[in-house]
Amino acid sequence: MQTINKFYLLVLILFISCQNNTSDIQEFVEQEFPVEIIEDAELIHTEFGKIKVKISAKKIERFINSNPRLVFTDSIVVIFFDRNSDTLSNLQANKALINETENLMHVSDNVILISSNGNKLETNHLSWDEKKEKIFTEENVIITTDKEVINAQGFVSDPDFIEYSLHKVNGVLSFNN
């Protein structure tokens, strides 16, 4: 009988001594977790039966709470297509975030954009506004063409990256055709 009483006493002491910090519990409960995790994924966006964008990623996490978004944390490749399904440009980055409410994609960390004519853009951050059909950044960019290397701070282009505008340009520019 004494063994049982000692056991109950020990259990009672354990329950009394165990306390949860309410702020820790609240923080855990409020933490947002992905509702879906996809590995080695390929997403294809079409319009009128034609491929417009193809996204390949090693890992995608989908969040649907107050801020619906897709998070790409282990590399992403985006290929933009024209109406004839020909490649317009190719975008690569280590990380990306797609805000599903605003149709905005933000790519970061070793961003490289290559157009169908071979122009290459390098930067740390680039955004794509699907509604406006614009790719842009306010950060430093390096553009390499077959004739020149251009450094700038700020860039805007259509997804084809053939014609673009730059801000705060410096470098050796070629004005001869």
N, C-alpha and C. Protein backbone atom coordinates (compact mmCIF):
# COMPACT_ATOMS: atom_id res chain seq x y z
N MET A 1 0.81 -1.18 0.00
CA MET A 1 0.00 0.00 0.00
C MET A 1 0.87 1.26 0.00
N GLN A 2 1.97 1.22 0.74
CA GLN A 2 2.85 2.37 0.81
C GLN A 2 3.48 2.65 -0.56
N THR A 3 3.74 1.63 -1.35
CA THR A 3 4.31 1.79 -2.68
C THR A 3 3.34 2.52 -3.58
N ILE A 4 2.05 2.19 -3.47
CA ILE A 4 1.03 2.85 -4.29
C ILE A 4 0.91 4.32 -3.88
N ASN A 5 0.93 4.60 -2.61
CA ASN A 5 0.86 5.98 -2.14
C ASN A 5 2.07 6.79 -2.60
N LYS A 6 3.23 6.15 -2.56
CA LYS A 6 4.44 6.84 -3.02
C LYS A 6 4.35 7.12 -4.52
N PHE A 7 3.80 6.17 -5.26
CA PHE A 7 3.62 6.36 -6.70
C PHE A 7 2.69 7.54 -6.98
N TYR A 8 1.53 7.58 -6.31
CA TYR A 8 0.57 8.69 -6.50
C TYR A 8 1.18 10.02 -6.08
N LEU A 9 1.94 10.00 -5.04
CA LEU A 9 2.61 11.22 -4.58
C LEU A 9 3.60 11.70 -5.63
N LEU A 10 4.37 10.79 -6.21
CA LEU A 10 5.33 11.13 -7.25
C LEU A 10 4.61 11.70 -8.48
N VAL A 11 3.53 11.07 -8.90
CA VAL A 11 2.76 11.55 -10.05
C VAL A 11 2.19 12.94 -9.76
N LEU A 12 1.67 13.14 -8.56
CA LEU A 12 1.12 14.43 -8.18
C LEU A 12 2.19 15.51 -8.22
N ILE A 13 3.36 15.20 -7.74
CA ILE A 13 4.47 16.16 -7.76
C ILE A 13 4.85 16.50 -9.19
N LEU A 14 4.89 15.51 -10.07
CA LEU A 14 5.21 15.75 -11.47
C LEU A 14 4.19 16.67 -12.12
N PHE A 15 2.91 16.42 -11.89
CA PHE A 15 1.87 17.27 -12.48
C PHE A 15 1.92 18.68 -11.95
N ILE A 16 2.18 18.82 -10.68
CA ILE A 16 2.23 20.15 -10.09
C ILE A 16 3.46 20.91 -10.57
N SER A 17 4.57 20.22 -10.75
CA SER A 17 5.81 20.89 -11.14
C SER A 17 5.85 21.21 -12.63
N CYS A 18 5.05 20.56 -13.45
CA CYS A 18 5.04 20.81 -14.89
C CYS A 18 4.12 21.99 -15.18
N GLN A 19 4.67 23.03 -15.72
CA GLN A 19 3.87 24.18 -16.11
C GLN A 19 4.25 24.56 -17.52
N ASN A 20 3.28 25.02 -18.26
CA ASN A 20 3.53 25.51 -19.61
C ASN A 20 3.54 27.03 -19.59
N ASN A 21 4.50 27.57 -20.28
CA ASN A 21 4.56 29.01 -20.43
C ASN A 21 3.50 29.40 -21.45
N THR A 22 2.53 30.20 -21.06
CA THR A 22 1.42 30.53 -21.96
C THR A 22 1.88 31.28 -23.20
N SER A 23 2.92 32.09 -23.10
CA SER A 23 3.41 32.79 -24.29
C SER A 23 4.05 31.81 -25.28
N ASP A 24 4.72 30.77 -24.77
CA ASP A 24 5.29 29.73 -25.65
C ASP A 24 4.18 28.97 -26.37
N ILE A 25 3.13 28.67 -25.64
CA ILE A 25 1.99 27.95 -26.24
C ILE A 25 1.33 28.81 -27.30
N GLN A 26 1.10 30.10 -27.00
CA GLN A 26 0.47 31.01 -27.95
C GLN A 26 1.31 31.15 -29.21
N GLU A 27 2.63 31.28 -29.03
CA GLU A 27 3.54 31.41 -30.18
C GLU A 27 3.48 30.16 -31.06
N PHE A 28 3.44 28.98 -30.45
CA PHE A 28 3.35 27.74 -31.21
C PHE A 28 2.03 27.64 -31.96
N VAL A 29 0.94 28.00 -31.31
CA VAL A 29 -0.38 27.91 -31.93
C VAL A 29 -0.50 28.88 -33.09
N GLU A 30 0.09 30.07 -32.98
CA GLU A 30 -0.01 31.08 -34.02
C GLU A 30 0.96 30.84 -35.18
N GLN A 31 1.91 29.97 -34.98
CA GLN A 31 2.89 29.68 -36.02
C GLN A 31 2.19 29.08 -37.23
N GLU A 32 2.54 29.58 -38.41
CA GLU A 32 1.90 29.11 -39.63
C GLU A 32 2.74 28.00 -40.26
N PHE A 33 2.09 26.92 -40.58
CA PHE A 33 2.75 25.79 -41.22
C PHE A 33 2.21 25.62 -42.63
N PRO A 34 3.02 25.11 -43.54
CA PRO A 34 2.50 24.90 -44.90
C PRO A 34 1.42 23.82 -44.90
N VAL A 35 0.42 24.02 -45.75
CA VAL A 35 -0.63 23.01 -45.89
C VAL A 35 -0.23 21.95 -46.91
N GLU A 36 0.81 22.28 -47.68
CA GLU A 36 1.25 21.36 -48.72
C GLU A 36 2.74 21.57 -48.96
N ILE A 37 3.48 20.49 -49.11
CA ILE A 37 4.89 20.54 -49.47
C ILE A 37 5.07 19.64 -50.69
N ILE A 38 5.63 20.22 -51.75
CA ILE A 38 5.82 19.48 -53.00
C ILE A 38 7.31 19.46 -53.30
N GLU A 39 7.82 18.30 -53.64
CA GLU A 39 9.23 18.19 -54.01
C GLU A 39 9.35 17.77 -55.47
N ASP A 40 10.40 18.27 -56.13
CA ASP A 40 10.64 18.01 -57.55
C ASP A 40 9.38 18.28 -58.37
N ALA A 41 8.93 19.53 -58.31
CA ALA A 41 7.67 19.92 -58.92
C ALA A 41 7.87 20.62 -60.26
N GLU A 42 6.82 20.55 -61.07
CA GLU A 42 6.76 21.29 -62.31
C GLU A 42 5.36 21.85 -62.44
N LEU A 43 5.25 23.18 -62.47
CA LEU A 43 3.97 23.86 -62.60
C LEU A 43 3.90 24.48 -63.99
N ILE A 44 2.77 24.32 -64.65
CA ILE A 44 2.59 24.87 -65.99
C ILE A 44 1.36 25.77 -65.98
N HIS A 45 1.56 27.03 -66.37
CA HIS A 45 0.47 28.00 -66.46
C HIS A 45 0.12 28.19 -67.93
N THR A 46 -1.14 27.97 -68.27
CA THR A 46 -1.56 28.11 -69.66
C THR A 46 -2.62 29.19 -69.79
N GLU A 47 -2.72 29.75 -70.99
CA GLU A 47 -3.79 30.67 -71.35
C GLU A 47 -4.26 30.28 -72.73
N PHE A 48 -5.56 30.08 -72.86
CA PHE A 48 -6.17 29.69 -74.13
C PHE A 48 -5.50 28.45 -74.73
N GLY A 49 -5.14 27.52 -73.86
CA GLY A 49 -4.56 26.26 -74.31
C GLY A 49 -3.08 26.33 -74.67
N LYS A 50 -2.45 27.46 -74.49
CA LYS A 50 -1.03 27.62 -74.81
C LYS A 50 -0.24 27.81 -73.52
N ILE A 51 0.94 27.20 -73.46
CA ILE A 51 1.80 27.36 -72.30
C ILE A 51 2.31 28.80 -72.25
N LYS A 52 2.12 29.45 -71.10
CA LYS A 52 2.61 30.81 -70.90
C LYS A 52 3.86 30.81 -70.02
N VAL A 53 3.83 30.00 -68.95
CA VAL A 53 4.94 29.94 -68.01
C VAL A 53 5.09 28.50 -67.52
N LYS A 54 6.32 28.06 -67.41
CA LYS A 54 6.62 26.74 -66.84
C LYS A 54 7.60 26.95 -65.68
N ILE A 55 7.24 26.44 -64.50
CA ILE A 55 8.08 26.59 -63.31
C ILE A 55 8.52 25.21 -62.84
N SER A 56 9.82 25.04 -62.68
CA SER A 56 10.38 23.82 -62.12
C SER A 56 11.06 24.17 -60.81
N ALA A 57 10.81 23.35 -59.78
CA ALA A 57 11.37 23.64 -58.46
C ALA A 57 11.67 22.35 -57.72
N LYS A 58 12.68 22.40 -56.87
CA LYS A 58 13.01 21.24 -56.04
C LYS A 58 12.08 21.13 -54.84
N LYS A 59 11.63 22.30 -54.30
CA LYS A 59 10.74 22.25 -53.13
C LYS A 59 9.81 23.45 -53.14
N ILE A 60 8.51 23.19 -52.98
CA ILE A 60 7.50 24.24 -52.91
C ILE A 60 6.68 24.01 -51.65
N GLU A 61 6.46 25.09 -50.89
CA GLU A 61 5.58 25.03 -49.73
C GLU A 61 4.42 25.98 -49.99
N ARG A 62 3.20 25.50 -49.76
CA ARG A 62 1.99 26.32 -49.96
C ARG A 62 1.41 26.71 -48.61
N PHE A 63 1.17 28.02 -48.46
CA PHE A 63 0.55 28.57 -47.26
C PHE A 63 -0.77 29.20 -47.69
N ILE A 64 -1.84 28.99 -46.90
CA ILE A 64 -3.15 29.50 -47.32
C ILE A 64 -3.82 30.41 -46.29
N ASN A 65 -3.20 30.65 -45.17
CA ASN A 65 -3.85 31.44 -44.12
C ASN A 65 -4.01 32.89 -44.55
N SER A 66 -3.66 33.84 -43.73
CA SER A 66 -3.90 35.25 -43.99
C SER A 66 -3.13 35.78 -45.20
N ASN A 67 -2.06 35.12 -45.58
CA ASN A 67 -1.23 35.57 -46.70
C ASN A 67 -0.97 34.38 -47.63
N PRO A 68 -1.90 34.04 -48.52
CA PRO A 68 -1.71 32.87 -49.40
C PRO A 68 -0.49 33.05 -50.30
N ARG A 69 0.39 32.06 -50.26
CA ARG A 69 1.63 32.17 -51.02
C ARG A 69 2.25 30.81 -51.26
N LEU A 70 3.14 30.78 -52.25
CA LEU A 70 3.99 29.63 -52.51
C LEU A 70 5.42 30.06 -52.20
N VAL A 71 6.16 29.21 -51.49
CA VAL A 71 7.53 29.51 -51.12
C VAL A 71 8.44 28.43 -51.73
N PHE A 72 9.42 28.88 -52.49
CA PHE A 72 10.40 28.00 -53.13
C PHE A 72 11.72 28.23 -52.42
N THR A 73 12.26 27.21 -51.78
CA THR A 73 13.46 27.41 -50.97
C THR A 73 14.70 26.70 -51.48
N ASP A 74 14.59 25.92 -52.51
CA ASP A 74 15.75 25.14 -52.95
C ASP A 74 15.87 25.15 -54.47
N SER A 75 15.93 26.31 -55.05
CA SER A 75 16.11 26.57 -56.48
C SER A 75 14.79 26.54 -57.25
N ILE A 76 14.75 27.40 -58.25
CA ILE A 76 13.58 27.53 -59.10
C ILE A 76 14.05 27.92 -60.50
N VAL A 77 13.38 27.39 -61.51
CA VAL A 77 13.62 27.76 -62.91
C VAL A 77 12.27 28.11 -63.50
N VAL A 78 12.18 29.30 -64.11
CA VAL A 78 10.94 29.76 -64.73
C VAL A 78 11.23 30.01 -66.20
N ILE A 79 10.42 29.42 -67.08
CA ILE A 79 10.56 29.62 -68.51
C ILE A 79 9.31 30.35 -69.00
N PHE A 80 9.51 31.50 -69.64
CA PHE A 80 8.41 32.28 -70.20
C PHE A 80 8.27 31.95 -71.69
N PHE A 81 7.03 31.77 -72.15
CA PHE A 81 6.77 31.40 -73.54
C PHE A 81 5.95 32.48 -74.24
N ASP A 82 6.10 32.57 -75.57
CA ASP A 82 5.27 33.49 -76.34
C ASP A 82 4.01 32.77 -76.83
N ARG A 83 3.22 33.43 -77.66
CA ARG A 83 1.96 32.85 -78.14
C ARG A 83 2.15 31.59 -78.98
N ASN A 84 3.34 31.44 -79.57
CA ASN A 84 3.64 30.27 -80.41
C ASN A 84 4.34 29.17 -79.63
N SER A 85 4.38 29.30 -78.30
CA SER A 85 5.04 28.35 -77.40
C SER A 85 6.55 28.31 -77.58
N ASP A 86 7.12 29.39 -78.12
CA ASP A 86 8.58 29.52 -78.21
C ASP A 86 9.08 30.20 -76.93
N THR A 87 10.27 29.82 -76.50
CA THR A 87 10.84 30.37 -75.27
C THR A 87 11.20 31.84 -75.46
N LEU A 88 10.68 32.69 -74.55
CA LEU A 88 11.03 34.11 -74.54
C LEU A 88 12.24 34.36 -73.65
N SER A 89 12.20 33.79 -72.45
CA SER A 89 13.30 33.99 -71.51
C SER A 89 13.29 32.88 -70.47
N ASN A 90 14.41 32.78 -69.77
CA ASN A 90 14.61 31.74 -68.77
C ASN A 90 15.13 32.42 -67.50
N LEU A 91 14.46 32.18 -66.38
CA LEU A 91 14.80 32.79 -65.11
C LEU A 91 15.21 31.71 -64.12
N GLN A 92 16.33 31.92 -63.43
CA GLN A 92 16.80 30.98 -62.42
C GLN A 92 17.10 31.73 -61.13
N ALA A 93 16.83 31.09 -59.99
CA ALA A 93 17.16 31.68 -58.69
C ALA A 93 17.20 30.58 -57.65
N ASN A 94 17.79 30.90 -56.51
CA ASN A 94 17.83 29.92 -55.42
C ASN A 94 16.54 29.93 -54.61
N LYS A 95 15.88 31.10 -54.49
CA LYS A 95 14.68 31.22 -53.68
C LYS A 95 13.62 32.02 -54.42
N ALA A 96 12.37 31.78 -54.06
CA ALA A 96 11.27 32.56 -54.65
C ALA A 96 10.06 32.53 -53.74
N LEU A 97 9.23 33.53 -53.93
CA LEU A 97 7.97 33.62 -53.21
C LEU A 97 6.93 34.13 -54.18
N ILE A 98 5.80 33.44 -54.29
CA ILE A 98 4.70 33.90 -55.12
C ILE A 98 3.56 34.30 -54.21
N ASN A 99 3.21 35.58 -54.26
CA ASN A 99 2.06 36.09 -53.53
C ASN A 99 0.84 35.81 -54.40
N GLU A 100 0.01 34.85 -53.99
CA GLU A 100 -1.10 34.40 -54.82
C GLU A 100 -2.24 35.42 -54.87
N THR A 101 -2.33 36.30 -53.89
CA THR A 101 -3.37 37.32 -53.89
C THR A 101 -3.08 38.39 -54.93
N GLU A 102 -1.83 38.82 -55.01
CA GLU A 102 -1.45 39.91 -55.91
C GLU A 102 -0.83 39.44 -57.22
N ASN A 103 -0.66 38.14 -57.41
CA ASN A 103 0.01 37.58 -58.59
C ASN A 103 1.39 38.19 -58.80
N LEU A 104 2.15 38.28 -57.71
CA LEU A 104 3.52 38.79 -57.76
C LEU A 104 4.49 37.67 -57.39
N MET A 105 5.55 37.56 -58.16
CA MET A 105 6.62 36.61 -57.84
C MET A 105 7.87 37.41 -57.50
N HIS A 106 8.52 37.06 -56.41
CA HIS A 106 9.78 37.67 -56.01
C HIS A 106 10.82 36.55 -55.95
N VAL A 107 11.86 36.68 -56.76
CA VAL A 107 12.95 35.69 -56.75
C VAL A 107 14.18 36.36 -56.17
N SER A 108 15.00 35.56 -55.49
CA SER A 108 16.19 36.13 -54.85
C SER A 108 17.30 35.10 -54.78
N ASP A 109 18.49 35.62 -54.49
CA ASP A 109 19.67 34.79 -54.26
C ASP A 109 20.15 34.15 -55.57
N ASN A 110 21.15 34.76 -56.17
CA ASN A 110 21.74 34.29 -57.43
C ASN A 110 20.73 34.25 -58.57
N VAL A 111 20.10 35.37 -58.84
CA VAL A 111 19.09 35.47 -59.88
C VAL A 111 19.77 35.68 -61.23
N ILE A 112 19.37 34.86 -62.20
CA ILE A 112 19.89 34.99 -63.57
C ILE A 112 18.69 34.93 -64.52
N LEU A 113 18.60 35.92 -65.40
CA LEU A 113 17.56 35.98 -66.43
C LEU A 113 18.24 36.00 -67.78
N ILE A 114 17.90 35.06 -68.66
CA ILE A 114 18.51 34.98 -69.98
C ILE A 114 17.40 35.06 -71.03
N SER A 115 17.54 36.00 -71.98
CA SER A 115 16.54 36.16 -73.03
C SER A 115 16.83 35.22 -74.19
N SER A 116 15.87 35.12 -75.10
CA SER A 116 16.04 34.25 -76.27
C SER A 116 17.15 34.76 -77.18
N ASN A 117 17.49 36.06 -77.13
CA ASN A 117 18.59 36.58 -77.96
C ASN A 117 19.94 36.51 -77.25
N GLY A 118 19.98 35.92 -76.04
CA GLY A 118 21.25 35.71 -75.35
C GLY A 118 21.61 36.77 -74.33
N ASN A 119 20.82 37.84 -74.20
CA ASN A 119 21.10 38.83 -73.15
C ASN A 119 20.97 38.16 -71.79
N LYS A 120 21.86 38.53 -70.88
CA LYS A 120 21.88 37.90 -69.55
C LYS A 120 21.85 38.99 -68.48
N LEU A 121 20.94 38.84 -67.53
CA LEU A 121 20.84 39.74 -66.39
C LEU A 121 21.18 38.97 -65.13
N GLU A 122 21.98 39.59 -64.26
CA GLU A 122 22.31 39.00 -62.96
C GLU A 122 22.00 40.01 -61.87
N THR A 123 21.36 39.55 -60.79
CA THR A 123 21.01 40.41 -59.68
C THR A 123 20.74 39.55 -58.45
N ASN A 124 20.47 40.19 -57.32
CA ASN A 124 20.12 39.45 -56.11
C ASN A 124 18.63 39.35 -55.88
N HIS A 125 17.86 40.24 -56.50
CA HIS A 125 16.41 40.21 -56.31
C HIS A 125 15.72 40.71 -57.58
N LEU A 126 14.65 40.03 -57.96
CA LEU A 126 13.89 40.40 -59.15
C LEU A 126 12.43 40.06 -58.88
N SER A 127 11.52 40.90 -59.37
CA SER A 127 10.10 40.66 -59.19
C SER A 127 9.41 40.56 -60.54
N TRP A 128 8.34 39.77 -60.59
CA TRP A 128 7.54 39.63 -61.80
C TRP A 128 6.09 39.91 -61.42
N ASP A 129 5.50 40.91 -62.06
CA ASP A 129 4.09 41.25 -61.88
C ASP A 129 3.33 40.65 -63.05
N GLU A 130 2.62 39.58 -62.80
CA GLU A 130 1.92 38.86 -63.88
C GLU A 130 0.83 39.72 -64.50
N LYS A 131 0.12 40.50 -63.69
CA LYS A 131 -0.96 41.35 -64.22
C LYS A 131 -0.43 42.41 -65.17
N LYS A 132 0.69 43.04 -64.81
CA LYS A 132 1.26 44.11 -65.62
C LYS A 132 2.23 43.58 -66.68
N GLU A 133 2.54 42.29 -66.62
CA GLU A 133 3.51 41.68 -67.55
C GLU A 133 4.85 42.41 -67.48
N LYS A 134 5.34 42.67 -66.26
CA LYS A 134 6.60 43.38 -66.07
C LYS A 134 7.51 42.61 -65.13
N ILE A 135 8.79 42.62 -65.45
CA ILE A 135 9.84 42.10 -64.58
C ILE A 135 10.64 43.33 -64.14
N PHE A 136 10.95 43.42 -62.83
CA PHE A 136 11.59 44.64 -62.36
C PHE A 136 12.39 44.41 -61.08
N THR A 137 13.30 45.35 -60.81
CA THR A 137 14.04 45.41 -59.54
C THR A 137 14.57 46.82 -59.36
N GLU A 138 14.79 47.20 -58.13
CA GLU A 138 15.46 48.47 -57.81
C GLU A 138 16.89 48.21 -57.37
N GLU A 139 17.30 46.96 -57.35
CA GLU A 139 18.64 46.60 -56.89
C GLU A 139 19.64 46.66 -58.04
N ASN A 140 20.92 46.43 -57.70
CA ASN A 140 21.98 46.43 -58.70
C ASN A 140 21.80 45.27 -59.66
N VAL A 141 22.06 45.54 -60.95
CA VAL A 141 21.98 44.51 -61.97
C VAL A 141 23.23 44.58 -62.84
N ILE A 142 23.58 43.45 -63.40
CA ILE A 142 24.64 43.37 -64.41
C ILE A 142 23.99 42.74 -65.64
N ILE A 143 24.05 43.44 -66.77
CA ILE A 143 23.50 42.91 -68.02
C ILE A 143 24.65 42.68 -68.97
N THR A 144 24.73 41.46 -69.47
CA THR A 144 25.77 41.10 -70.42
C THR A 144 25.12 40.78 -71.76
N THR A 145 25.55 41.50 -72.81
CA THR A 145 25.09 41.23 -74.16
C THR A 145 26.30 40.76 -74.96
N ASP A 146 26.09 40.49 -76.24
CA ASP A 146 27.23 40.06 -77.06
C ASP A 146 28.23 41.20 -77.29
N LYS A 147 27.83 42.47 -77.02
CA LYS A 147 28.71 43.61 -77.28
C LYS A 147 29.14 44.36 -76.03
N GLU A 148 28.44 44.18 -74.89
CA GLU A 148 28.73 45.05 -73.75
C GLU A 148 28.36 44.41 -72.42
N VAL A 149 28.91 45.01 -71.36
CA VAL A 149 28.53 44.67 -69.99
C VAL A 149 28.05 45.97 -69.35
N ILE A 150 26.81 45.96 -68.86
CA ILE A 150 26.20 47.16 -68.30
C ILE A 150 25.91 46.93 -66.82
N ASN A 151 26.30 47.88 -65.99
CA ASN A 151 25.95 47.87 -64.57
C ASN A 151 24.91 48.95 -64.35
N ALA A 152 23.90 48.64 -63.55
CA ALA A 152 22.85 49.63 -63.28
C ALA A 152 22.22 49.34 -61.93
N GLN A 153 21.48 50.30 -61.46
CA GLN A 153 20.68 50.10 -60.25
C GLN A 153 19.24 50.40 -60.65
N GLY A 154 18.46 49.34 -60.82
CA GLY A 154 17.09 49.48 -61.27
C GLY A 154 16.92 48.95 -62.68
N PHE A 155 15.85 48.19 -62.89
CA PHE A 155 15.63 47.49 -64.17
C PHE A 155 14.14 47.24 -64.32
N VAL A 156 13.60 47.42 -65.55
CA VAL A 156 12.21 47.09 -65.88
C VAL A 156 12.20 46.49 -67.27
N SER A 157 11.43 45.41 -67.45
CA SER A 157 11.34 44.75 -68.75
C SER A 157 10.04 43.98 -68.86
N ASP A 158 9.67 43.66 -70.10
CA ASP A 158 8.63 42.67 -70.32
C ASP A 158 9.26 41.30 -70.09
N PRO A 159 8.45 40.24 -69.94
CA PRO A 159 9.04 38.91 -69.69
C PRO A 159 10.00 38.42 -70.77
N ASP A 160 9.94 39.01 -71.98
CA ASP A 160 10.85 38.55 -73.04
C ASP A 160 12.28 39.05 -72.85
N PHE A 161 12.48 40.13 -72.07
CA PHE A 161 13.79 40.69 -71.78
C PHE A 161 14.58 41.03 -73.05
N ILE A 162 13.87 41.48 -74.09
CA ILE A 162 14.53 41.96 -75.31
C ILE A 162 14.71 43.47 -75.20
N GLU A 163 13.64 44.18 -74.87
CA GLU A 163 13.70 45.62 -74.65
C GLU A 163 13.50 45.87 -73.16
N TYR A 164 14.34 46.73 -72.60
CA TYR A 164 14.28 46.98 -71.17
C TYR A 164 14.75 48.40 -70.89
N SER A 165 14.44 48.87 -69.70
CA SER A 165 14.94 50.18 -69.27
C SER A 165 15.74 50.00 -67.99
N LEU A 166 16.76 50.86 -67.85
CA LEU A 166 17.67 50.80 -66.70
C LEU A 166 17.73 52.16 -66.02
N HIS A 167 18.09 52.14 -64.76
CA HIS A 167 18.27 53.37 -63.99
C HIS A 167 19.71 53.39 -63.46
N LYS A 168 20.25 54.56 -63.29
CA LYS A 168 21.59 54.74 -62.73
C LYS A 168 22.60 53.81 -63.42
N VAL A 169 22.75 53.99 -64.72
CA VAL A 169 23.58 53.13 -65.56
C VAL A 169 25.04 53.56 -65.48
N ASN A 170 25.95 52.57 -65.48
CA ASN A 170 27.37 52.84 -65.65
C ASN A 170 27.99 51.63 -66.33
N GLY A 171 29.14 51.84 -66.95
CA GLY A 171 29.81 50.77 -67.66
C GLY A 171 30.23 51.23 -69.04
N VAL A 172 30.75 50.32 -69.83
CA VAL A 172 31.17 50.61 -71.20
C VAL A 172 30.03 50.23 -72.11
N LEU A 173 29.45 51.22 -72.78
CA LEU A 173 28.30 51.00 -73.64
C LEU A 173 28.70 51.12 -75.09
N SER A 174 28.10 50.30 -75.93
CA SER A 174 28.35 50.34 -77.37
C SER A 174 27.15 50.97 -78.05
N PHE A 175 27.37 52.08 -78.80
CA PHE A 175 26.28 52.74 -79.49
C PHE A 175 26.32 52.47 -80.99
N ASN A 176 27.27 51.67 -81.47
CA ASN A 176 27.35 51.32 -82.88
C ASN A 176 26.63 50.01 -83.11
N ASN A 177 25.97 49.89 -84.26
CA ASN A 177 25.27 48.63 -84.60
C ASN A 177 26.17 47.69 -85.25
